[in-house]
Amino acid sequence: MYTILDGDKNRVVDLQARTCSCKRFQLEQLPCAHAMIAIRHSKRDVYDFYFEYYNSSTWKATYVEVVYPLPHQGDWVIPNEVRDVKVLPPDIRSVSG
């Protein structure tokens, strides 16, 4: 565990869990600036903390199969029962407290 001073805030970085209290490390799944400081201090390789889908081998594997482009939107055949469905955003209720 590392505590990194960021202006007037302390950020807590856990390299083993790949987390930072700023939440950016978890959200982007890339080391945030605070994690970078902790990684460098631990004398470890920053690339060991990138999640696997950022590796070039993962990107290459994504496109091993042929990706066919969609036809022009005017050429799409959409069944009426699908065309008539009205999609609405989910109901969101605020929880007080």
PDB file of N, CA and C in Angstrom:
ATOM      1  N   MET A   1       0.843  -1.185   0.000  1.00  0.00           N
ATOM      2  CA  MET A   1       0.000   0.000   0.000  1.00  0.00           C
ATOM      3  C   MET A   1       0.881   1.239   0.000  1.00  0.00           C
ATOM      4  N   TYR A   2       0.485   2.206  -0.801  1.00  0.00           N
ATOM      5  CA  TYR A   2       1.211   3.468  -0.891  1.00  0.00           C
ATOM      6  C   TYR A   2       0.233   4.609  -0.680  1.00  0.00           C
ATOM      7  N   THR A   3       0.669   5.632  -0.004  1.00  0.00           N
ATOM      8  CA  THR A   3      -0.111   6.855   0.129  1.00  0.00           C
ATOM      9  C   THR A   3       0.613   7.931  -0.659  1.00  0.00           C
ATOM     10  N   ILE A   4      -0.091   8.501  -1.642  1.00  0.00           N
ATOM     11  CA  ILE A   4       0.485   9.505  -2.534  1.00  0.00           C
ATOM     12  C   ILE A   4      -0.203  10.835  -2.257  1.00  0.00           C
ATOM     13  N   LEU A   5       0.570  11.870  -1.989  1.00  0.00           N
ATOM     14  CA  LEU A   5       0.021  13.197  -1.758  1.00  0.00           C
ATOM     15  C   LEU A   5      -0.269  13.841  -3.109  1.00  0.00           C
ATOM     16  N   ASP A   6      -1.526  14.240  -3.310  1.00  0.00           N
ATOM     17  CA  ASP A   6      -1.961  14.877  -4.556  1.00  0.00           C
ATOM     18  C   ASP A   6      -2.624  16.202  -4.192  1.00  0.00           C
ATOM     19  N   GLY A   7      -1.835  17.268  -4.210  1.00  0.00           N
ATOM     20  CA  GLY A   7      -2.351  18.562  -3.785  1.00  0.00           C
ATOM     21  C   GLY A   7      -2.685  18.514  -2.308  1.00  0.00           C
ATOM     22  N   ASP A   8      -3.961  18.680  -1.996  1.00  0.00           N
ATOM     23  CA  ASP A   8      -4.381  18.628  -0.592  1.00  0.00           C
ATOM     24  C   ASP A   8      -5.029  17.290  -0.231  1.00  0.00           C
ATOM     25  N   LYS A   9      -4.947  16.310  -1.144  1.00  0.00           N
ATOM     26  CA  LYS A   9      -5.569  15.006  -0.903  1.00  0.00           C
ATOM     27  C   LYS A   9      -4.521  13.905  -0.849  1.00  0.00           C
ATOM     28  N   ASN A  10      -4.772  12.927  -0.027  1.00  0.00           N
ATOM     29  CA  ASN A  10      -3.960  11.718   0.002  1.00  0.00           C
ATOM     30  C   ASN A  10      -4.667  10.653  -0.819  1.00  0.00           C
ATOM     31  N   ARG A  11      -3.959  10.036  -1.733  1.00  0.00           N
ATOM     32  CA  ARG A  11      -4.500   8.948  -2.542  1.00  0.00           C
ATOM     33  C   ARG A  11      -3.839   7.657  -2.096  1.00  0.00           C
ATOM     34  N   VAL A  12      -4.631   6.633  -1.909  1.00  0.00           N
ATOM     35  CA  VAL A  12      -4.119   5.341  -1.462  1.00  0.00           C
ATOM     36  C   VAL A  12      -4.091   4.397  -2.659  1.00  0.00           C
ATOM     37  N   VAL A  13      -2.911   3.834  -2.930  1.00  0.00           N
ATOM     38  CA  VAL A  13      -2.711   2.926  -4.054  1.00  0.00           C
ATOM     39  C   VAL A  13      -2.373   1.545  -3.503  1.00  0.00           C
ATOM     40  N   ASP A  14      -3.099   0.552  -3.983  1.00  0.00           N
ATOM     41  CA  ASP A  14      -2.813  -0.846  -3.647  1.00  0.00           C
ATOM     42  C   ASP A  14      -2.427  -1.535  -4.948  1.00  0.00           C
ATOM     43  N   LEU A  15      -1.133  -1.741  -5.140  1.00  0.00           N
ATOM     44  CA  LEU A  15      -0.664  -2.327  -6.392  1.00  0.00           C
ATOM     45  C   LEU A  15      -1.104  -3.776  -6.552  1.00  0.00           C
ATOM     46  N   GLN A  16      -1.176  -4.504  -5.463  1.00  0.00           N
ATOM     47  CA  GLN A  16      -1.580  -5.903  -5.552  1.00  0.00           C
ATOM     48  C   GLN A  16      -3.024  -6.021  -6.037  1.00  0.00           C
ATOM     49  N   ALA A  17      -3.890  -5.158  -5.559  1.00  0.00           N
ATOM     50  CA  ALA A  17      -5.300  -5.176  -5.950  1.00  0.00           C
ATOM     51  C   ALA A  17      -5.562  -4.327  -7.191  1.00  0.00           C
ATOM     52  N   ARG A  18      -4.538  -3.591  -7.636  1.00  0.00           N
ATOM     53  CA  ARG A  18      -4.661  -2.672  -8.783  1.00  0.00           C
ATOM     54  C   ARG A  18      -5.776  -1.663  -8.562  1.00  0.00           C
ATOM     55  N   THR A  19      -5.692  -0.969  -7.422  1.00  0.00           N
ATOM     56  CA  THR A  19      -6.692   0.035  -7.091  1.00  0.00           C
ATOM     57  C   THR A  19      -6.029   1.322  -6.627  1.00  0.00           C
ATOM     58  N   CYS A  20      -6.767   2.414  -6.783  1.00  0.00           N
ATOM     59  CA  CYS A  20      -6.371   3.712  -6.266  1.00  0.00           C
ATOM     60  C   CYS A  20      -7.626   4.393  -5.754  1.00  0.00           C
ATOM     61  N   SER A  21      -7.491   5.166  -4.700  1.00  0.00           N
ATOM     62  CA  SER A  21      -8.665   5.820  -4.130  1.00  0.00           C
ATOM     63  C   SER A  21      -9.250   6.884  -5.064  1.00  0.00           C
ATOM     64  N   CYS A  22      -8.517   7.298  -6.106  1.00  0.00           N
ATOM     65  CA  CYS A  22      -9.087   8.225  -7.092  1.00  0.00           C
ATOM     66  C   CYS A  22     -10.038   7.497  -8.047  1.00  0.00           C
ATOM     67  N   LYS A  23      -9.989   6.164  -8.047  1.00  0.00           N
ATOM     68  CA  LYS A  23     -10.850   5.270  -8.840  1.00  0.00           C
ATOM     69  C   LYS A  23     -10.478   5.193 -10.317  1.00  0.00           C
ATOM     70  N   ARG A  24      -9.538   5.983 -10.762  1.00  0.00           N
ATOM     71  CA  ARG A  24      -9.189   5.978 -12.181  1.00  0.00           C
ATOM     72  C   ARG A  24      -8.501   4.668 -12.596  1.00  0.00           C
ATOM     73  N   PHE A  25      -7.674   4.122 -11.723  1.00  0.00           N
ATOM     74  CA  PHE A  25      -6.979   2.862 -11.996  1.00  0.00           C
ATOM     75  C   PHE A  25      -8.006   1.753 -12.257  1.00  0.00           C
ATOM     76  N   GLN A  26      -9.055   1.692 -11.446  1.00  0.00           N
ATOM     77  CA  GLN A  26     -10.087   0.682 -11.615  1.00  0.00           C
ATOM     78  C   GLN A  26     -10.939   0.962 -12.848  1.00  0.00           C
ATOM     79  N   LEU A  27     -11.283   2.225 -13.059  1.00  0.00           N
ATOM     80  CA  LEU A  27     -12.176   2.582 -14.156  1.00  0.00           C
ATOM     81  C   LEU A  27     -11.544   2.336 -15.516  1.00  0.00           C
ATOM     82  N   GLU A  28     -10.343   2.859 -15.718  1.00  0.00           N
ATOM     83  CA  GLU A  28      -9.684   2.734 -17.014  1.00  0.00           C
ATOM     84  C   GLU A  28      -8.877   1.453 -17.142  1.00  0.00           C
ATOM     85  N   GLN A  29      -8.627   0.818 -16.020  1.00  0.00           N
ATOM     86  CA  GLN A  29      -7.810  -0.385 -15.948  1.00  0.00           C
ATOM     87  C   GLN A  29      -6.430  -0.171 -16.560  1.00  0.00           C
ATOM     88  N   LEU A  30      -5.957   1.038 -16.333  1.00  0.00           N
ATOM     89  CA  LEU A  30      -4.596   1.458 -16.645  1.00  0.00           C
ATOM     90  C   LEU A  30      -4.091   2.185 -15.404  1.00  0.00           C
ATOM     91  N   PRO A  31      -2.810   2.115 -15.120  1.00  0.00           N
ATOM     92  CA  PRO A  31      -2.316   2.831 -13.941  1.00  0.00           C
ATOM     93  C   PRO A  31      -2.571   4.341 -14.055  1.00  0.00           C
ATOM     94  N   CYS A  32      -3.163   4.919 -13.016  1.00  0.00           N
ATOM     95  CA  CYS A  32      -3.342   6.368 -12.959  1.00  0.00           C
ATOM     96  C   CYS A  32      -2.011   6.993 -12.540  1.00  0.00           C
ATOM     97  N   ALA A  33      -1.962   8.311 -12.465  1.00  0.00           N
ATOM     98  CA  ALA A  33      -0.724   9.002 -12.097  1.00  0.00           C
ATOM     99  C   ALA A  33      -0.239   8.580 -10.715  1.00  0.00           C
ATOM    100  N   HIS A  34      -1.164   8.360  -9.794  1.00  0.00           N
ATOM    101  CA  HIS A  34      -0.792   7.961  -8.437  1.00  0.00           C
ATOM    102  C   HIS A  34      -0.185   6.554  -8.444  1.00  0.00           C
ATOM    103  N   ALA A  35      -0.807   5.663  -9.224  1.00  0.00           N
ATOM    104  CA  ALA A  35      -0.291   4.298  -9.331  1.00  0.00           C
ATOM    105  C   ALA A  35       1.076   4.297 -10.003  1.00  0.00           C
ATOM    106  N   MET A  36       1.272   5.163 -10.988  1.00  0.00           N
ATOM    107  CA  MET A  36       2.577   5.257 -11.664  1.00  0.00           C
ATOM    108  C   MET A  36       3.677   5.608 -10.655  1.00  0.00           C
ATOM    109  N   ILE A  37       3.379   6.529  -9.765  1.00  0.00           N
ATOM    110  CA  ILE A  37       4.364   6.915  -8.749  1.00  0.00           C
ATOM    111  C   ILE A  37       4.683   5.715  -7.858  1.00  0.00           C
ATOM    112  N   ALA A  38       3.644   5.007  -7.433  1.00  0.00           N
ATOM    113  CA  ALA A  38       3.841   3.841  -6.571  1.00  0.00           C
ATOM    114  C   ALA A  38       4.619   2.743  -7.300  1.00  0.00           C
ATOM    115  N   ILE A  39       4.303   2.527  -8.562  1.00  0.00           N
ATOM    116  CA  ILE A  39       4.990   1.498  -9.356  1.00  0.00           C
ATOM    117  C   ILE A  39       6.466   1.845  -9.510  1.00  0.00           C
ATOM    118  N   ARG A  40       6.740   3.089  -9.837  1.00  0.00           N
ATOM    119  CA  ARG A  40       8.139   3.503  -9.986  1.00  0.00           C
ATOM    120  C   ARG A  40       8.897   3.388  -8.665  1.00  0.00           C
ATOM    121  N   HIS A  41       8.225   3.748  -7.572  1.00  0.00           N
ATOM    122  CA  HIS A  41       8.861   3.648  -6.252  1.00  0.00           C
ATOM    123  C   HIS A  41       9.170   2.185  -5.911  1.00  0.00           C
ATOM    124  N   SER A  42       8.305   1.276  -6.351  1.00  0.00           N
ATOM    125  CA  SER A  42       8.517  -0.146  -6.071  1.00  0.00           C
ATOM    126  C   SER A  42       9.514  -0.787  -7.040  1.00  0.00           C
ATOM    127  N   LYS A  43      10.007   0.022  -7.997  1.00  0.00           N
ATOM    128  CA  LYS A  43      10.982  -0.437  -8.993  1.00  0.00           C
ATOM    129  C   LYS A  43      10.457  -1.608  -9.828  1.00  0.00           C
ATOM    130  N   ARG A  44       9.178  -1.543 -10.139  1.00  0.00           N
ATOM    131  CA  ARG A  44       8.558  -2.566 -10.987  1.00  0.00           C
ATOM    132  C   ARG A  44       8.248  -1.967 -12.343  1.00  0.00           C
ATOM    133  N   ASP A  45       7.961  -2.823 -13.304  1.00  0.00           N
ATOM    134  CA  ASP A  45       7.675  -2.387 -14.668  1.00  0.00           C
ATOM    135  C   ASP A  45       6.212  -1.954 -14.768  1.00  0.00           C
ATOM    136  N   VAL A  46       5.986  -0.742 -15.212  1.00  0.00           N
ATOM    137  CA  VAL A  46       4.631  -0.193 -15.307  1.00  0.00           C
ATOM    138  C   VAL A  46       3.750  -1.038 -16.231  1.00  0.00           C
ATOM    139  N   TYR A  47       4.342  -1.651 -17.251  1.00  0.00           N
ATOM    140  CA  TYR A  47       3.552  -2.447 -18.200  1.00  0.00           C
ATOM    141  C   TYR A  47       2.982  -3.713 -17.568  1.00  0.00           C
ATOM    142  N   ASP A  48       3.536  -4.132 -16.445  1.00  0.00           N
ATOM    143  CA  ASP A  48       2.973  -5.277 -15.733  1.00  0.00           C
ATOM    144  C   ASP A  48       1.617  -4.945 -15.114  1.00  0.00           C
ATOM    145  N   PHE A  49       1.271  -3.672 -15.053  1.00  0.00           N
ATOM    146  CA  PHE A  49       0.027  -3.247 -14.431  1.00  0.00           C
ATOM    147  C   PHE A  49      -1.038  -2.836 -15.446  1.00  0.00           C
ATOM    148  N   TYR A  50      -0.747  -2.957 -16.734  1.00  0.00           N
ATOM    149  CA  TYR A  50      -1.750  -2.726 -17.757  1.00  0.00           C
ATOM    150  C   TYR A  50      -2.601  -3.990 -17.843  1.00  0.00           C
ATOM    151  N   PHE A  51      -3.892  -3.849 -17.936  1.00  0.00           N
ATOM    152  CA  PHE A  51      -4.740  -5.019 -18.052  1.00  0.00           C
ATOM    153  C   PHE A  51      -4.561  -5.635 -19.425  1.00  0.00           C
ATOM    154  N   GLU A  52      -4.800  -6.935 -19.517  1.00  0.00           N
ATOM    155  CA  GLU A  52      -4.408  -7.697 -20.702  1.00  0.00           C
ATOM    156  C   GLU A  52      -5.043  -7.224 -22.003  1.00  0.00           C
ATOM    157  N   TYR A  53      -6.211  -6.601 -21.953  1.00  0.00           N
ATOM    158  CA  TYR A  53      -6.807  -6.200 -23.224  1.00  0.00           C
ATOM    159  C   TYR A  53      -6.134  -4.975 -23.828  1.00  0.00           C
ATOM    160  N   TYR A  54      -5.145  -4.408 -23.160  1.00  0.00           N
ATOM    161  CA  TYR A  54      -4.354  -3.338 -23.754  1.00  0.00           C
ATOM    162  C   TYR A  54      -3.099  -3.881 -24.439  1.00  0.00           C
ATOM    163  N   ASN A  55      -2.825  -5.170 -24.315  1.00  0.00           N
ATOM    164  CA  ASN A  55      -1.653  -5.760 -24.955  1.00  0.00           C
ATOM    165  C   ASN A  55      -1.884  -5.899 -26.460  1.00  0.00           C
ATOM    166  N   SER A  56      -0.839  -5.749 -27.228  1.00  0.00           N
ATOM    167  CA  SER A  56      -0.977  -5.849 -28.683  1.00  0.00           C
ATOM    168  C   SER A  56      -1.454  -7.237 -29.102  1.00  0.00           C
ATOM    169  N   SER A  57      -1.080  -8.283 -28.372  1.00  0.00           N
ATOM    170  CA  SER A  57      -1.524  -9.630 -28.734  1.00  0.00           C
ATOM    171  C   SER A  57      -3.044  -9.769 -28.597  1.00  0.00           C
ATOM    172  N   THR A  58      -3.621  -9.106 -27.607  1.00  0.00           N
ATOM    173  CA  THR A  58      -5.076  -9.139 -27.441  1.00  0.00           C
ATOM    174  C   THR A  58      -5.758  -8.377 -28.564  1.00  0.00           C
ATOM    175  N   TRP A  59      -5.201  -7.233 -28.926  1.00  0.00           N
ATOM    176  CA  TRP A  59      -5.770  -6.456 -30.026  1.00  0.00           C
ATOM    177  C   TRP A  59      -5.697  -7.233 -31.331  1.00  0.00           C
ATOM    178  N   LYS A  60      -4.582  -7.891 -31.581  1.00  0.00           N
ATOM    179  CA  LYS A  60      -4.437  -8.690 -32.807  1.00  0.00           C
ATOM    180  C   LYS A  60      -5.429  -9.845 -32.824  1.00  0.00           C
ATOM    181  N   ALA A  61      -5.616 -10.494 -31.685  1.00  0.00           N
ATOM    182  CA  ALA A  61      -6.551 -11.622 -31.608  1.00  0.00           C
ATOM    183  C   ALA A  61      -7.990 -11.176 -31.873  1.00  0.00           C
ATOM    184  N   THR A  62      -8.301  -9.949 -31.564  1.00  0.00           N
ATOM    185  CA  THR A  62      -9.641  -9.419 -31.797  1.00  0.00           C
ATOM    186  C   THR A  62      -9.999  -9.448 -33.279  1.00  0.00           C
ATOM    187  N   TYR A  63      -9.003  -9.213 -34.123  1.00  0.00           N
ATOM    188  CA  TYR A  63      -9.256  -9.093 -35.552  1.00  0.00           C
ATOM    189  C   TYR A  63      -8.766 -10.291 -36.347  1.00  0.00           C
ATOM    190  N   VAL A  64      -8.604 -11.446 -35.691  1.00  0.00           N
ATOM    191  CA  VAL A  64      -8.201 -12.661 -36.408  1.00  0.00           C
ATOM    192  C   VAL A  64      -9.310 -13.068 -37.378  1.00  0.00           C
ATOM    193  N   GLU A  65     -10.537 -12.984 -36.914  1.00  0.00           N
ATOM    194  CA  GLU A  65     -11.680 -13.307 -37.779  1.00  0.00           C
ATOM    195  C   GLU A  65     -12.011 -12.099 -38.650  1.00  0.00           C
ATOM    196  N   VAL A  66     -12.667 -12.361 -39.757  1.00  0.00           N
ATOM    197  CA  VAL A  66     -13.055 -11.292 -40.678  1.00  0.00           C
ATOM    198  C   VAL A  66     -14.176 -10.476 -40.040  1.00  0.00           C
ATOM    199  N   VAL A  67     -14.063  -9.170 -40.121  1.00  0.00           N
ATOM    200  CA  VAL A  67     -15.108  -8.268 -39.641  1.00  0.00           C
ATOM    201  C   VAL A  67     -15.782  -7.682 -40.877  1.00  0.00           C
ATOM    202  N   TYR A  68     -17.059  -8.028 -41.055  1.00  0.00           N
ATOM    203  CA  TYR A  68     -17.790  -7.568 -42.227  1.00  0.00           C
ATOM    204  C   TYR A  68     -18.460  -6.228 -41.928  1.00  0.00           C
ATOM    205  N   PRO A  69     -18.329  -5.268 -42.819  1.00  0.00           N
ATOM    206  CA  PRO A  69     -18.994  -3.979 -42.591  1.00  0.00           C
ATOM    207  C   PRO A  69     -20.507  -4.114 -42.777  1.00  0.00           C
ATOM    208  N   LEU A  70     -21.242  -3.269 -42.097  1.00  0.00           N
ATOM    209  CA  LEU A  70     -22.692  -3.243 -42.266  1.00  0.00           C
ATOM    210  C   LEU A  70     -23.042  -2.551 -43.577  1.00  0.00           C
ATOM    211  N   PRO A  71     -24.141  -2.969 -44.205  1.00  0.00           N
ATOM    212  CA  PRO A  71     -24.566  -2.247 -45.413  1.00  0.00           C
ATOM    213  C   PRO A  71     -25.085  -0.862 -45.026  1.00  0.00           C
ATOM    214  N   HIS A  72     -25.326  -0.029 -46.010  1.00  0.00           N
ATOM    215  CA  HIS A  72     -25.872   1.301 -45.780  1.00  0.00           C
ATOM    216  C   HIS A  72     -27.187   1.172 -45.026  1.00  0.00           C
ATOM    217  N   GLN A  73     -27.438   2.090 -44.111  1.00  0.00           N
ATOM    218  CA  GLN A  73     -28.630   2.022 -43.252  1.00  0.00           C
ATOM    219  C   GLN A  73     -29.910   1.939 -44.085  1.00  0.00           C
ATOM    220  N   GLY A  74     -29.934   2.540 -45.237  1.00  0.00           N
ATOM    221  CA  GLY A  74     -31.114   2.481 -46.102  1.00  0.00           C
ATOM    222  C   GLY A  74     -31.378   1.092 -46.652  1.00  0.00           C
ATOM    223  N   ASP A  75     -30.393   0.213 -46.622  1.00  0.00           N
ATOM    224  CA  ASP A  75     -30.531  -1.149 -47.136  1.00  0.00           C
ATOM    225  C   ASP A  75     -30.866  -2.166 -46.045  1.00  0.00           C
ATOM    226  N   TRP A  76     -30.973  -1.727 -44.805  1.00  0.00           N
ATOM    227  CA  TRP A  76     -31.265  -2.654 -43.716  1.00  0.00           C
ATOM    228  C   TRP A  76     -32.699  -3.181 -43.839  1.00  0.00           C
ATOM    229  N   VAL A  77     -32.883  -4.458 -43.546  1.00  0.00           N
ATOM    230  CA  VAL A  77     -34.209  -5.066 -43.501  1.00  0.00           C
ATOM    231  C   VAL A  77     -34.545  -5.267 -42.022  1.00  0.00           C
ATOM    232  N   ILE A  78     -35.492  -4.460 -41.542  1.00  0.00           N
ATOM    233  CA  ILE A  78     -35.861  -4.491 -40.127  1.00  0.00           C
ATOM    234  C   ILE A  78     -37.305  -4.973 -40.017  1.00  0.00           C
ATOM    235  N   PRO A  79     -37.534  -6.103 -39.319  1.00  0.00           N
ATOM    236  CA  PRO A  79     -38.913  -6.598 -39.173  1.00  0.00           C
ATOM    237  C   PRO A  79     -39.800  -5.566 -38.464  1.00  0.00           C
ATOM    238  N   ASN A  80     -41.069  -5.531 -38.822  1.00  0.00           N
ATOM    239  CA  ASN A  80     -41.999  -4.553 -38.248  1.00  0.00           C
ATOM    240  C   ASN A  80     -42.083  -4.647 -36.734  1.00  0.00           C
ATOM    241  N   GLU A  81     -42.051  -5.892 -36.186  1.00  0.00           N
ATOM    242  CA  GLU A  81     -42.170  -6.029 -34.731  1.00  0.00           C
ATOM    243  C   GLU A  81     -40.960  -5.438 -34.014  1.00  0.00           C
ATOM    244  N   VAL A  82     -39.848  -5.327 -34.701  1.00  0.00           N
ATOM    245  CA  VAL A  82     -38.668  -4.685 -34.123  1.00  0.00           C
ATOM    246  C   VAL A  82     -38.740  -3.178 -34.358  1.00  0.00           C
ATOM    247  N   ARG A  83     -39.141  -2.792 -35.542  1.00  0.00           N
ATOM    248  CA  ARG A  83     -39.232  -1.380 -35.892  1.00  0.00           C
ATOM    249  C   ARG A  83     -40.219  -0.637 -34.993  1.00  0.00           C
ATOM    250  N   ASP A  84     -41.277  -1.321 -34.552  1.00  0.00           N
ATOM    251  CA  ASP A  84     -42.324  -0.677 -33.754  1.00  0.00           C
ATOM    252  C   ASP A  84     -41.989  -0.589 -32.261  1.00  0.00           C
ATOM    253  N   VAL A  85     -40.924  -1.214 -31.822  1.00  0.00           N
ATOM    254  CA  VAL A  85     -40.555  -1.188 -30.405  1.00  0.00           C
ATOM    255  C   VAL A  85     -39.966   0.172 -30.066  1.00  0.00           C
ATOM    256  N   LYS A  86     -40.489   0.779 -29.014  1.00  0.00           N
ATOM    257  CA  LYS A  86     -39.967   2.062 -28.555  1.00  0.00           C
ATOM    258  C   LYS A  86     -39.021   1.800 -27.392  1.00  0.00           C
ATOM    259  N   VAL A  87     -37.760   2.155 -27.547  1.00  0.00           N
ATOM    260  CA  VAL A  87     -36.758   1.921 -26.519  1.00  0.00           C
ATOM    261  C   VAL A  87     -36.645   3.177 -25.661  1.00  0.00           C
ATOM    262  N   LEU A  88     -36.800   2.985 -24.342  1.00  0.00           N
ATOM    263  CA  LEU A  88     -36.734   4.095 -23.401  1.00  0.00           C
ATOM    264  C   LEU A  88     -35.563   3.884 -22.445  1.00  0.00           C
ATOM    265  N   PRO A  89     -35.055   4.947 -21.863  1.00  0.00           N
ATOM    266  CA  PRO A  89     -33.985   4.782 -20.865  1.00  0.00           C
ATOM    267  C   PRO A  89     -34.537   4.090 -19.628  1.00  0.00           C
ATOM    268  N   PRO A  90     -33.672   3.459 -18.849  1.00  0.00           N
ATOM    269  CA  PRO A  90     -34.140   2.765 -17.652  1.00  0.00           C
ATOM    270  C   PRO A  90     -34.684   3.736 -16.608  1.00  0.00           C
ATOM    271  N   ASP A  91     -35.609   3.227 -15.798  1.00  0.00           N
ATOM    272  CA  ASP A  91     -36.123   4.003 -14.662  1.00  0.00           C
ATOM    273  C   ASP A  91     -35.013   4.156 -13.638  1.00  0.00           C
ATOM    274  N   ILE A  92     -34.703   5.364 -13.255  1.00  0.00           N
ATOM    275  CA  ILE A  92     -33.686   5.602 -12.232  1.00  0.00           C
ATOM    276  C   ILE A  92     -34.346   6.327 -11.085  1.00  0.00           C
ATOM    277  N   ARG A  93     -34.246   5.725  -9.929  1.00  0.00           N
ATOM    278  CA  ARG A  93     -34.817   6.343  -8.735  1.00  0.00           C
ATOM    279  C   ARG A  93     -33.696   6.726  -7.799  1.00  0.00           C
ATOM    280  N   SER A  94     -33.746   7.945  -7.312  1.00  0.00           N
ATOM    281  CA  SER A  94     -32.743   8.409  -6.356  1.00  0.00           C
ATOM    282  C   SER A  94     -33.025   7.816  -4.984  1.00  0.00           C
ATOM    283  N   VAL A  95     -31.983   7.393  -4.331  1.00  0.00           N
ATOM    284  CA  VAL A  95     -32.101   6.893  -2.972  1.00  0.00           C
ATOM    285  C   VAL A  95     -31.643   7.996  -2.028  1.00  0.00           C
ATOM    286  N   SER A  96     -32.531   8.394  -1.144  1.00  0.00           N
ATOM    287  CA  SER A  96     -32.165   9.458  -0.221  1.00  0.00           C
ATOM    288  C   SER A  96     -31.310   8.894   0.905  1.00  0.00           C
ATOM    289  N   GLY A  97     -30.470   9.750   1.422  1.00  0.00           N
ATOM    290  CA  GLY A  97     -29.679   9.290   2.554  1.00  0.00           C
ATOM    291  C   GLY A  97     -28.323   9.713   2.436  1.00  0.00           C
TER     292      GLY A  97
END
